[in-house]
Amino acid sequence: MKKSLNDRYLKMSEIRLVSDLRIMHSKVNELFQVVQTLKRRHPEGAIRQYSDNVALEEDIKRVDEIYLWFVGLKEERLRLTKK
């Protein structure tokens, strides 16, 4: 007798993935809230003036990498839904 997808137990690797995804969702939301607060409270010029420029550029690079990864996931989802 084969178990349905809803009735089966998760493998350890699946549990880790779900856990990691929940952490990612939380951290993305946290970053979004921090950026929204900075944007609301401070003009962009002041943020650039008072930031550590090296650290800010590294942050921008990291966010760009994350964005491109998300775009890839989105494109793959769209590609799969068109089939």
Protein backbone atom coordinates (compact mmCIF):
# COMPACT_ATOMS: atom_id res chain seq x y z
CA MET A 1 0.00 0.00 0.00
CA LYS A 2 1.52 3.29 -1.11
CA LYS A 3 1.18 6.31 1.17
CA SER A 4 -0.17 9.52 -0.31
CA LEU A 5 2.06 12.58 -0.29
CA ASN A 6 0.10 14.01 2.67
CA ASP A 7 0.43 10.82 4.72
CA ARG A 8 4.16 10.19 4.41
CA TYR A 9 6.84 11.21 6.85
CA LEU A 10 9.40 13.80 5.84
CA LYS A 11 12.98 12.73 5.34
CA MET A 12 15.65 14.49 7.39
CA SER A 13 16.84 16.41 4.31
CA GLU A 14 13.28 17.64 3.69
CA ILE A 15 12.91 18.76 7.29
CA ARG A 16 16.18 20.70 7.01
CA LEU A 17 15.02 22.30 3.76
CA VAL A 18 11.69 23.38 5.25
CA SER A 19 13.50 24.74 8.30
CA ASP A 20 16.02 26.64 6.16
CA LEU A 21 13.22 28.08 4.02
CA ARG A 22 11.35 29.30 7.09
CA ILE A 23 14.53 31.00 8.33
CA MET A 24 15.06 32.55 4.88
CA HIS A 25 11.49 33.90 4.75
CA SER A 26 11.93 35.41 8.20
CA LYS A 27 15.27 37.03 7.34
CA VAL A 28 14.02 38.41 4.00
CA ASN A 29 11.08 39.96 5.82
CA GLU A 30 13.41 41.34 8.49
CA LEU A 31 15.71 42.90 5.88
CA PHE A 32 12.72 44.37 4.06
CA GLN A 33 11.44 45.97 7.28
CA VAL A 34 14.85 47.43 8.15
CA VAL A 35 15.26 48.91 4.67
CA GLN A 36 11.72 50.33 4.74
CA THR A 37 12.46 51.98 8.10
CA LEU A 38 15.74 53.47 6.81
CA LYS A 39 13.99 54.80 3.72
CA ARG A 40 11.14 56.27 5.75
CA ARG A 41 13.35 57.93 8.39
CA HIS A 42 16.36 59.14 6.41
CA PRO A 43 17.04 60.71 3.04
CA GLU A 44 19.08 58.60 0.63
CA GLY A 45 21.89 61.17 0.58
CA ALA A 46 22.31 60.93 4.35
CA ILE A 47 22.38 57.15 4.19
CA ARG A 48 25.18 57.30 1.64
CA GLN A 49 27.01 60.05 3.54
CA TYR A 50 27.04 58.26 6.89
CA SER A 51 27.41 54.68 5.72
CA ASP A 52 30.64 52.77 5.57
CA ASN A 53 30.95 52.92 1.78
CA VAL A 54 32.87 49.65 1.50
CA ALA A 55 30.32 47.84 3.66
CA LEU A 56 27.40 49.45 1.79
CA GLU A 57 28.78 48.38 -1.58
CA GLU A 58 29.27 44.85 -0.24
CA ASP A 59 25.66 44.87 1.01
CA ILE A 60 24.45 46.02 -2.40
CA LYS A 61 26.47 43.26 -4.10
CA ARG A 62 25.01 40.63 -1.78
CA VAL A 63 21.45 41.84 -2.28
CA ASP A 64 22.02 41.83 -6.06
CA GLU A 65 23.17 38.19 -5.85
CA ILE A 66 20.10 37.28 -3.78
CA TYR A 67 17.82 39.14 -6.21
CA LEU A 68 19.26 37.29 -9.20
CA TRP A 69 18.78 33.97 -7.41
CA PHE A 70 15.12 34.83 -6.71
CA VAL A 71 14.63 35.90 -10.33
CA GLY A 72 16.01 32.52 -11.43
CA LEU A 73 13.56 30.72 -9.13
CA LYS A 74 10.70 32.82 -10.49
CA GLU A 75 11.68 32.18 -14.11
CA GLU A 76 11.90 28.44 -13.45
CA ARG A 77 8.45 28.47 -11.80
CA LEU A 78 6.99 30.35 -14.79
CA ARG A 79 8.66 27.95 -17.20
CA LEU A 80 7.23 24.94 -15.35
CA THR A 81 3.70 26.39 -15.17
CA LYS A 82 3.66 26.94 -18.95
CA LYS A 83 4.15 23.21 -19.61
